C-alpha cells in the first residue's frame, strides 16, 4: 500500500514537471512568418515577435519531390517549344536598343573620365579654400584617383559588353 502511494506521488510529480515544462515553452510568431520557441521574451520583443497563447502550432514537413526516371535523381532539363523563341526581327531590335544604350553610357563615362582627369591635373589639383589642412587635400586627391580608376574600369566593362553584341 505504501508502495502504491509512493508511485502515485512520483506520478503526480512527473505530471507537475511536464506541466511546468509545457508552460515554459512559449511560441512566438516573428516577422517573415517565422514561428519559434527558441527566443527569450526580451529577444522576441526586440525582433518584433508576437507571443502565441492558446493556439497550437502544427509543423508539416514537406515530402521530397518524386524521383524522375534515370536513377540519379537529377531533374531533366525542360524542353522548350519552338514558340518560346524570340522572333529574329525582335531580337535584332533588342540588340540595337542595347547597343544604343551601351554607347550612350560609354560616351557619358568617357566625358566623366575626361572631366576627372582635367580636375586631377596629373596628381596636382588646385587646392581649395577649405583645404587649409594638407591632409584634407591629400584625401581629396586620393578620392579623385580612385574615381578615375573606377571610371576607367567602367569604360572597359562597357567596351567588353559592346564587343559581345553582334555587329549592327
N, C-alpha and C. Protein backbone atom coordinates (compact mmCIF):
# COMPACT_ATOMS: atom_id res chain seq x y z
N UNK A 1 0.83 -1.18 0.00
CA UNK A 1 0.00 0.00 0.00
C UNK A 1 0.88 1.25 0.00
N UNK A 2 1.93 1.24 0.82
CA UNK A 2 2.84 2.37 0.87
C UNK A 2 3.51 2.55 -0.50
N UNK A 3 3.81 1.43 -1.12
CA UNK A 3 4.44 1.49 -2.42
C UNK A 3 3.51 2.12 -3.46
N UNK A 4 2.25 1.82 -3.40
CA UNK A 4 1.27 2.38 -4.32
C UNK A 4 1.15 3.88 -4.12
N UNK A 5 1.20 4.33 -2.86
CA UNK A 5 1.12 5.76 -2.57
C UNK A 5 2.38 6.45 -3.10
N UNK A 6 3.52 5.80 -2.89
CA UNK A 6 4.78 6.36 -3.37
C UNK A 6 4.79 6.50 -4.89
N UNK A 7 4.26 5.50 -5.60
CA UNK A 7 4.18 5.58 -7.06
C UNK A 7 3.21 6.68 -7.49
N UNK A 8 2.14 6.85 -6.72
CA UNK A 8 1.17 7.91 -7.03
C UNK A 8 1.81 9.28 -6.88
N UNK A 9 2.62 9.46 -5.83
CA UNK A 9 3.29 10.75 -5.59
C UNK A 9 4.30 11.01 -6.71
N UNK A 10 5.04 9.97 -7.09
CA UNK A 10 6.01 10.12 -8.17
C UNK A 10 5.27 10.48 -9.47
N UNK A 11 4.14 9.84 -9.72
CA UNK A 11 3.35 10.14 -10.91
C UNK A 11 2.87 11.58 -10.91
N UNK A 12 2.42 12.07 -9.74
CA UNK A 12 1.98 13.46 -9.65
C UNK A 12 3.14 14.43 -9.87
N UNK A 13 4.30 14.10 -9.32
CA UNK A 13 5.48 14.95 -9.53
C UNK A 13 5.87 15.01 -11.00
N UNK A 14 5.84 13.86 -11.68
CA UNK A 14 6.17 13.84 -13.11
C UNK A 14 5.15 14.65 -13.90
N UNK A 15 3.89 14.54 -13.56
CA UNK A 15 2.85 15.29 -14.26
C UNK A 15 3.06 16.79 -14.03
N UNK A 16 3.43 17.17 -12.80
CA UNK A 16 3.66 18.58 -12.48
C UNK A 16 4.87 19.10 -13.26
N UNK A 17 5.93 18.28 -13.35
CA UNK A 17 7.10 18.69 -14.12
C UNK A 17 6.75 18.85 -15.59
N UNK A 18 5.95 17.93 -16.12
CA UNK A 18 5.54 18.02 -17.52
C UNK A 18 4.71 19.27 -17.76
N UNK A 19 3.83 19.62 -16.84
CA UNK A 19 3.02 20.82 -16.98
C UNK A 19 3.90 22.06 -16.90
N UNK A 20 4.88 22.05 -16.00
CA UNK A 20 5.78 23.19 -15.88
C UNK A 20 6.60 23.35 -17.15
N UNK A 21 7.05 22.23 -17.71
CA UNK A 21 7.83 22.30 -18.94
C UNK A 21 6.97 22.81 -20.09
N UNK A 22 5.72 22.40 -20.14
CA UNK A 22 4.82 22.86 -21.19
C UNK A 22 4.56 24.35 -21.04
N UNK A 23 4.50 24.84 -19.80
CA UNK A 23 4.26 26.25 -19.58
C UNK A 23 5.48 27.08 -19.97
N UNK A 24 6.68 26.55 -19.79
CA UNK A 24 7.89 27.27 -20.14
C UNK A 24 8.05 27.41 -21.64
N UNK A 25 7.45 26.54 -22.40
CA UNK A 25 7.59 26.56 -23.85
C UNK A 25 6.64 27.58 -24.44
N UNK A 26 7.15 28.75 -24.71
CA UNK A 26 6.36 29.83 -25.27
C UNK A 26 6.72 29.95 -26.75
N UNK A 27 5.71 29.99 -27.58
CA UNK A 27 5.94 30.08 -29.02
C UNK A 27 5.68 31.51 -29.46
N UNK A 28 6.59 32.03 -30.29
CA UNK A 28 6.47 33.38 -30.82
C UNK A 28 6.31 33.33 -32.33
N UNK A 29 5.51 34.25 -32.86
CA UNK A 29 5.40 34.42 -34.31
C UNK A 29 6.17 35.69 -34.63
N UNK A 30 7.22 35.53 -35.44
CA UNK A 30 8.09 36.64 -35.78
C UNK A 30 7.82 37.11 -37.20
N UNK A 31 8.27 38.33 -37.54
CA UNK A 31 8.09 38.81 -38.92
C UNK A 31 8.70 37.84 -39.92
N UNK A 32 8.08 37.73 -41.07
CA UNK A 32 8.55 36.80 -42.08
C UNK A 32 7.88 35.44 -41.92
N UNK A 33 6.79 35.38 -41.12
CA UNK A 33 6.03 34.16 -40.89
C UNK A 33 6.90 33.06 -40.29
N UNK A 34 7.75 33.45 -39.33
CA UNK A 34 8.65 32.53 -38.65
C UNK A 34 8.10 32.25 -37.26
N UNK A 35 7.95 30.98 -36.93
CA UNK A 35 7.48 30.57 -35.62
C UNK A 35 8.64 29.94 -34.88
N UNK A 36 8.85 30.35 -33.62
CA UNK A 36 9.98 29.81 -32.86
C UNK A 36 9.66 29.79 -31.38
N UNK A 37 10.31 28.86 -30.69
CA UNK A 37 10.23 28.81 -29.24
C UNK A 37 11.62 28.95 -28.64
N UNK A 38 12.58 29.37 -29.46
CA UNK A 38 13.97 29.43 -29.03
C UNK A 38 14.39 30.83 -28.60
N UNK A 39 13.45 31.74 -28.38
CA UNK A 39 13.79 33.11 -28.01
C UNK A 39 13.35 33.39 -26.58
N UNK A 40 14.09 34.28 -25.93
CA UNK A 40 13.63 34.77 -24.63
C UNK A 40 12.63 35.89 -24.89
N UNK A 41 11.95 36.32 -23.84
CA UNK A 41 10.94 37.36 -24.00
C UNK A 41 11.57 38.65 -24.51
N UNK A 42 12.77 38.99 -24.03
CA UNK A 42 13.44 40.22 -24.46
C UNK A 42 13.85 40.14 -25.93
N UNK A 43 14.40 38.97 -26.33
CA UNK A 43 14.81 38.80 -27.73
C UNK A 43 13.61 38.88 -28.66
N UNK A 44 12.51 38.26 -28.24
CA UNK A 44 11.30 38.28 -29.07
C UNK A 44 10.78 39.70 -29.22
N UNK A 45 10.79 40.45 -28.15
CA UNK A 45 10.32 41.83 -28.21
C UNK A 45 11.22 42.67 -29.11
N UNK A 46 12.52 42.46 -29.01
CA UNK A 46 13.47 43.22 -29.83
C UNK A 46 13.30 42.93 -31.32
N UNK A 47 12.93 41.69 -31.64
CA UNK A 47 12.76 41.31 -33.05
C UNK A 47 11.35 41.58 -33.56
N UNK A 48 10.46 42.05 -32.69
CA UNK A 48 9.10 42.35 -33.12
C UNK A 48 8.22 41.12 -33.20
N UNK A 49 8.53 40.10 -32.41
CA UNK A 49 7.75 38.87 -32.42
C UNK A 49 6.54 38.99 -31.49
N UNK A 50 5.49 38.24 -31.81
CA UNK A 50 4.26 38.25 -31.02
C UNK A 50 4.12 36.89 -30.35
N UNK A 51 3.76 36.91 -29.07
CA UNK A 51 3.60 35.67 -28.32
C UNK A 51 2.28 35.02 -28.70
N UNK A 52 2.33 33.72 -29.00
CA UNK A 52 1.11 32.98 -29.32
C UNK A 52 0.64 32.28 -28.05
N UNK A 53 -0.61 32.53 -27.70
CA UNK A 53 -1.15 31.92 -26.50
C UNK A 53 -2.36 31.09 -26.85
N UNK A 54 -2.37 29.86 -26.37
CA UNK A 54 -3.54 29.02 -26.51
C UNK A 54 -3.74 28.42 -27.89
N UNK A 55 -2.97 28.81 -28.86
CA UNK A 55 -3.13 28.28 -30.21
C UNK A 55 -2.05 27.24 -30.45
N UNK A 56 -2.44 26.02 -30.76
CA UNK A 56 -1.42 25.01 -31.05
C UNK A 56 -0.74 25.29 -32.38
N UNK A 57 0.53 25.02 -32.42
CA UNK A 57 1.30 25.21 -33.64
C UNK A 57 1.56 23.84 -34.25
N UNK A 58 1.21 23.66 -35.50
CA UNK A 58 1.41 22.40 -36.18
C UNK A 58 2.48 22.59 -37.24
N UNK A 59 3.44 21.71 -37.24
CA UNK A 59 4.51 21.76 -38.23
C UNK A 59 4.30 20.61 -39.20
N UNK A 60 4.20 20.96 -40.48
CA UNK A 60 4.02 19.95 -41.51
C UNK A 60 5.29 19.92 -42.35
N UNK A 61 5.92 18.80 -42.39
CA UNK A 61 7.15 18.68 -43.18
C UNK A 61 6.77 18.25 -44.59
N UNK A 62 7.41 18.87 -45.55
CA UNK A 62 7.11 18.52 -46.93
C UNK A 62 7.87 17.26 -47.31
N UNK A 63 7.33 16.56 -48.27
CA UNK A 63 8.00 15.36 -48.74
C UNK A 63 8.92 15.72 -49.88
N UNK A 64 9.97 14.95 -50.10
CA UNK A 64 10.89 15.25 -51.20
C UNK A 64 10.15 15.08 -52.54
N UNK A 65 10.59 15.80 -53.55
CA UNK A 65 9.93 15.67 -54.86
C UNK A 65 10.10 14.26 -55.40
N UNK A 66 9.16 13.81 -56.19
CA UNK A 66 9.28 12.44 -56.72
C UNK A 66 10.49 12.33 -57.64
N UNK A 67 11.12 11.18 -57.61
CA UNK A 67 12.32 10.95 -58.44
C UNK A 67 11.90 10.73 -59.87
N UNK A 68 12.67 11.29 -60.75
CA UNK A 68 12.41 11.08 -62.18
C UNK A 68 13.14 9.84 -62.64
N UNK A 69 12.73 9.33 -63.74
CA UNK A 69 13.39 8.17 -64.29
C UNK A 69 14.79 8.54 -64.73
N UNK A 70 15.71 7.71 -64.53
CA UNK A 70 17.09 7.98 -64.89
C UNK A 70 18.00 7.59 -63.75
N UNK A 71 17.41 7.44 -62.56
CA UNK A 71 18.15 6.87 -61.46
C UNK A 71 18.97 7.82 -60.63
N UNK A 72 19.52 8.89 -61.15
CA UNK A 72 20.41 9.73 -60.35
C UNK A 72 19.66 10.81 -59.60
N UNK A 73 18.39 10.95 -59.82
CA UNK A 73 17.60 11.92 -59.06
C UNK A 73 17.69 13.32 -59.61
N UNK A 74 18.58 13.56 -60.56
CA UNK A 74 18.70 14.90 -61.12
C UNK A 74 17.55 15.12 -62.09
N UNK A 75 17.01 16.31 -62.05
CA UNK A 75 15.89 16.59 -62.92
C UNK A 75 16.38 16.83 -64.34
N UNK A 76 15.60 16.37 -65.28
CA UNK A 76 15.96 16.54 -66.68
C UNK A 76 15.65 17.97 -67.10
N UNK A 77 16.42 18.54 -68.01
CA UNK A 77 16.13 19.89 -68.46
C UNK A 77 14.77 19.93 -69.16
N UNK A 78 14.09 21.03 -68.96
CA UNK A 78 12.78 21.19 -69.54
C UNK A 78 12.95 21.58 -71.00
N UNK A 79 12.30 20.83 -71.87
CA UNK A 79 12.39 21.13 -73.30
C UNK A 79 11.46 22.29 -73.62
N UNK A 80 11.96 23.26 -74.34
CA UNK A 80 11.15 24.41 -74.71
C UNK A 80 10.54 24.15 -76.09
N UNK A 81 9.38 24.66 -76.25
CA UNK A 81 8.72 24.55 -77.54
C UNK A 81 9.29 25.57 -78.50
N UNK A 82 8.98 25.42 -79.76
CA UNK A 82 9.50 26.34 -80.75
C UNK A 82 8.86 27.72 -80.61
N UNK A 83 7.69 27.79 -79.95
CA UNK A 83 7.01 29.07 -79.81
C UNK A 83 7.67 29.96 -78.76
N UNK A 84 8.60 29.44 -77.95
CA UNK A 84 9.25 30.24 -76.91
C UNK A 84 10.44 31.03 -77.45
N UNK A 85 10.86 30.77 -78.69
CA UNK A 85 11.99 31.51 -79.26
C UNK A 85 11.55 32.91 -79.63
N UNK A 86 12.49 33.83 -79.56
CA UNK A 86 12.22 35.21 -79.90
C UNK A 86 12.34 35.38 -81.41
N UNK A 87 11.42 36.14 -81.95
CA UNK A 87 11.44 36.43 -83.38
C UNK A 87 12.75 37.13 -83.73
N UNK A 88 13.42 36.74 -84.81
CA UNK A 88 14.72 37.35 -85.17
C UNK A 88 14.64 38.87 -85.32
N UNK A 89 13.55 39.38 -85.85
CA UNK A 89 13.43 40.83 -86.01
C UNK A 89 13.35 41.51 -84.65
N UNK A 90 12.61 40.86 -83.74
CA UNK A 90 12.50 41.43 -82.39
C UNK A 90 13.85 41.38 -81.67
N UNK A 91 14.59 40.28 -81.86
CA UNK A 91 15.90 40.16 -81.22
C UNK A 91 16.86 41.21 -81.78
N UNK A 92 16.79 41.46 -83.07
CA UNK A 92 17.66 42.48 -83.67
C UNK A 92 17.31 43.85 -83.10
N UNK A 93 16.02 44.13 -82.89
CA UNK A 93 15.60 45.40 -82.29
C UNK A 93 16.13 45.52 -80.86
N UNK A 94 16.06 44.42 -80.13
CA UNK A 94 16.58 44.43 -78.75
C UNK A 94 18.08 44.69 -78.74
N UNK A 95 18.80 44.01 -79.64
CA UNK A 95 20.25 44.20 -79.72
C UNK A 95 20.59 45.64 -80.09
N UNK A 96 19.81 46.21 -81.00
CA UNK A 96 20.05 47.60 -81.41
C UNK A 96 19.83 48.55 -80.24
N UNK A 97 18.74 48.31 -79.49
CA UNK A 97 18.47 49.14 -78.31
C UNK A 97 19.59 49.00 -77.28
N UNK A 98 20.03 47.77 -77.07
CA UNK A 98 21.10 47.53 -76.09
C UNK A 98 22.38 48.23 -76.51
N UNK A 99 22.71 48.14 -77.82
CA UNK A 99 23.90 48.79 -78.32
C UNK A 99 23.81 50.30 -78.13
N UNK A 100 22.65 50.87 -78.45
CA UNK A 100 22.46 52.31 -78.32
C UNK A 100 22.62 52.75 -76.86
N UNK A 101 22.03 52.01 -75.95
CA UNK A 101 22.12 52.34 -74.52
C UNK A 101 23.57 52.24 -74.04
N UNK A 102 24.26 51.16 -74.42
CA UNK A 102 25.65 50.98 -74.01
C UNK A 102 26.55 52.07 -74.59
N UNK A 103 26.32 52.44 -75.84
CA UNK A 103 27.14 53.50 -76.45
C UNK A 103 26.90 54.85 -75.75
N UNK A 104 25.64 55.11 -75.38
CA UNK A 104 25.33 56.35 -74.65
C UNK A 104 26.03 56.35 -73.30
N UNK A 105 25.97 55.22 -72.60
CA UNK A 105 26.65 55.11 -71.31
C UNK A 105 28.17 55.27 -71.48
N UNK A 106 28.70 54.68 -72.54
CA UNK A 106 30.14 54.77 -72.78
C UNK A 106 30.55 56.22 -73.02
N UNK A 107 29.78 56.95 -73.83
CA UNK A 107 30.11 58.37 -74.08
C UNK A 107 30.03 59.17 -72.78
N UNK A 108 28.99 58.92 -71.98
CA UNK A 108 28.82 59.64 -70.72
C UNK A 108 29.99 59.35 -69.78
N UNK A 109 30.41 58.09 -69.73
CA UNK A 109 31.52 57.71 -68.84
C UNK A 109 32.84 58.29 -69.33
N UNK A 110 33.04 58.33 -70.64
CA UNK A 110 34.26 58.92 -71.19
C UNK A 110 34.31 60.43 -70.90
N UNK A 111 33.16 61.11 -71.00
CA UNK A 111 33.12 62.54 -70.66
C UNK A 111 33.44 62.75 -69.19
N UNK A 112 32.88 61.87 -68.34
CA UNK A 112 33.13 61.96 -66.90
C UNK A 112 34.62 61.75 -66.61
N UNK A 113 35.22 60.77 -67.29
CA UNK A 113 36.66 60.49 -67.10
C UNK A 113 37.50 61.69 -67.53
N UNK A 114 37.15 62.30 -68.66
CA UNK A 114 37.90 63.46 -69.13
C UNK A 114 37.83 64.60 -68.12
N UNK A 115 36.64 64.83 -67.54
CA UNK A 115 36.48 65.88 -66.53
C UNK A 115 37.29 65.55 -65.27
N UNK A 116 37.27 64.29 -64.86
CA UNK A 116 38.03 63.88 -63.67
C UNK A 116 39.53 64.06 -63.90
N UNK A 117 40.00 63.68 -65.08
CA UNK A 117 41.43 63.81 -65.36
C UNK A 117 41.85 65.28 -65.43
N UNK A 118 40.97 66.12 -65.98
CA UNK A 118 41.29 67.55 -66.06
C UNK A 118 41.38 68.14 -64.65
N UNK A 119 40.46 67.76 -63.78
CA UNK A 119 40.48 68.27 -62.40
C UNK A 119 41.66 67.69 -61.62
N UNK A 120 42.00 66.44 -61.89
CA UNK A 120 43.09 65.76 -61.20
C UNK A 120 44.44 66.40 -61.55
N UNK A 121 44.60 66.86 -62.77
CA UNK A 121 45.77 67.62 -63.21
C UNK A 121 47.07 66.85 -62.92
N UNK A 122 47.12 65.60 -63.36
CA UNK A 122 48.31 64.75 -63.16
C UNK A 122 48.74 64.65 -61.70
N UNK A 123 47.79 64.55 -60.81
CA UNK A 123 48.09 64.39 -59.39
C UNK A 123 48.37 65.69 -58.66
N UNK A 124 48.20 66.83 -59.32
CA UNK A 124 48.45 68.12 -58.69
C UNK A 124 47.23 69.04 -58.86
N UNK A 125 46.05 68.64 -58.34
CA UNK A 125 44.89 69.52 -58.49
C UNK A 125 45.06 70.78 -57.65
N UNK A 126 44.33 71.82 -58.03
CA UNK A 126 44.42 73.08 -57.27
C UNK A 126 43.81 72.88 -55.90
N UNK A 127 44.43 73.52 -54.92
CA UNK A 127 43.90 73.43 -53.56
C UNK A 127 42.71 74.35 -53.43
N UNK A 128 41.74 73.88 -52.65
CA UNK A 128 40.55 74.67 -52.37
C UNK A 128 40.76 75.50 -51.12
N UNK A 129 39.89 76.48 -50.95
CA UNK A 129 39.99 77.34 -49.77
C UNK A 129 39.71 76.61 -48.47
N UNK A 130 38.88 75.57 -48.52
CA UNK A 130 38.55 74.84 -47.29
C UNK A 130 39.58 73.77 -46.95
N UNK A 131 40.66 73.69 -47.73
CA UNK A 131 41.68 72.67 -47.51
C UNK A 131 42.96 73.27 -46.91
N UNK A 132 42.79 73.97 -45.82
CA UNK A 132 43.98 74.54 -45.14
C UNK A 132 44.81 73.41 -44.54
N UNK A 133 44.12 72.37 -44.13
CA UNK A 133 44.80 71.18 -43.62
C UNK A 133 45.28 70.37 -44.83
N UNK A 134 46.58 70.12 -44.91
CA UNK A 134 47.15 69.43 -46.06
C UNK A 134 46.60 68.02 -46.21
N UNK A 135 46.24 67.38 -45.08
CA UNK A 135 45.71 66.01 -45.15
C UNK A 135 44.37 65.98 -45.88
N UNK A 136 43.57 67.04 -45.71
CA UNK A 136 42.30 67.13 -46.43
C UNK A 136 42.55 67.14 -47.93
N UNK A 137 43.54 67.88 -48.34
CA UNK A 137 43.92 67.96 -49.75
C UNK A 137 44.36 66.59 -50.27
N UNK A 138 45.21 65.91 -49.48
CA UNK A 138 45.69 64.59 -49.88
C UNK A 138 44.54 63.59 -49.98
N UNK A 139 43.59 63.68 -49.05
CA UNK A 139 42.42 62.79 -49.09
C UNK A 139 41.61 63.02 -50.36
N UNK A 140 41.42 64.29 -50.73
CA UNK A 140 40.66 64.61 -51.94
C UNK A 140 41.40 64.10 -53.18
N UNK A 141 42.70 64.23 -53.21
CA UNK A 141 43.49 63.74 -54.34
C UNK A 141 43.35 62.22 -54.45
N UNK A 142 43.39 61.52 -53.31
CA UNK A 142 43.24 60.06 -53.31
C UNK A 142 41.85 59.66 -53.80
N UNK A 143 40.82 60.40 -53.38
CA UNK A 143 39.46 60.12 -53.85
C UNK A 143 39.35 60.35 -55.35
N UNK A 144 39.99 61.39 -55.84
CA UNK A 144 39.96 61.66 -57.28
C UNK A 144 40.64 60.53 -58.06
N UNK A 145 41.76 60.07 -57.54
CA UNK A 145 42.48 58.98 -58.22
C UNK A 145 41.63 57.72 -58.24
N UNK A 146 40.97 57.41 -57.13
CA UNK A 146 40.10 56.24 -57.06
C UNK A 146 38.92 56.40 -58.02
N UNK A 147 38.38 57.60 -58.12
CA UNK A 147 37.28 57.86 -59.05
C UNK A 147 37.71 57.65 -60.50
N UNK A 148 38.92 58.08 -60.82
CA UNK A 148 39.46 57.88 -62.18
C UNK A 148 39.61 56.38 -62.47
N UNK A 149 40.12 55.63 -61.50
CA UNK A 149 40.30 54.19 -61.69
C UNK A 149 38.95 53.50 -61.87
N UNK A 150 37.94 53.90 -61.08
CA UNK A 150 36.60 53.32 -61.23
C UNK A 150 36.02 53.63 -62.60
N UNK A 151 36.19 54.87 -63.03
CA UNK A 151 35.67 55.28 -64.33
C UNK A 151 36.35 54.51 -65.46
N UNK A 152 37.66 54.31 -65.36
CA UNK A 152 38.37 53.54 -66.38
C UNK A 152 37.89 52.09 -66.40
N UNK A 153 37.64 51.52 -65.23
CA UNK A 153 37.13 50.15 -65.16
C UNK A 153 35.72 50.07 -65.76
N UNK A 154 34.89 51.07 -65.50
CA UNK A 154 33.55 51.10 -66.08
C UNK A 154 33.61 51.18 -67.60
N UNK A 155 34.52 52.00 -68.10
CA UNK A 155 34.67 52.13 -69.56
C UNK A 155 35.11 50.80 -70.17
N UNK A 156 36.04 50.13 -69.52
CA UNK A 156 36.49 48.82 -70.02
C UNK A 156 35.35 47.81 -70.03
N UNK A 157 34.52 47.83 -68.97
CA UNK A 157 33.39 46.90 -68.90
C UNK A 157 32.37 47.20 -69.99
N UNK A 158 32.09 48.48 -70.23
CA UNK A 158 31.15 48.85 -71.29
C UNK A 158 31.67 48.42 -72.66
N UNK A 159 32.96 48.58 -72.88
CA UNK A 159 33.54 48.16 -74.16
C UNK A 159 33.46 46.64 -74.33
N UNK A 160 33.66 45.90 -73.24
CA UNK A 160 33.53 44.44 -73.31
C UNK A 160 32.09 44.04 -73.68
N UNK A 161 31.13 44.70 -73.06
CA UNK A 161 29.72 44.41 -73.35
C UNK A 161 29.39 44.74 -74.81
N UNK A 162 29.90 45.85 -75.29
CA UNK A 162 29.66 46.22 -76.68
C UNK A 162 30.29 45.20 -77.64
N UNK A 163 31.43 44.67 -77.28
CA UNK A 163 32.12 43.70 -78.13
C UNK A 163 31.33 42.39 -78.21
N UNK A 164 30.55 42.07 -77.19
CA UNK A 164 29.76 40.84 -77.18
C UNK A 164 28.58 40.91 -78.13
N UNK A 165 28.12 42.12 -78.42
CA UNK A 165 26.93 42.28 -79.27
C UNK A 165 27.26 41.99 -80.73
N UNK A 166 26.28 41.47 -81.45
CA UNK A 166 26.51 41.26 -82.88
C UNK A 166 26.67 42.61 -83.58
N UNK A 167 27.44 42.67 -84.64
CA UNK A 167 27.63 43.95 -85.34
C UNK A 167 26.30 44.46 -85.88
N UNK A 168 26.13 45.75 -85.75
CA UNK A 168 24.84 46.28 -86.20
C UNK A 168 24.98 47.62 -86.62
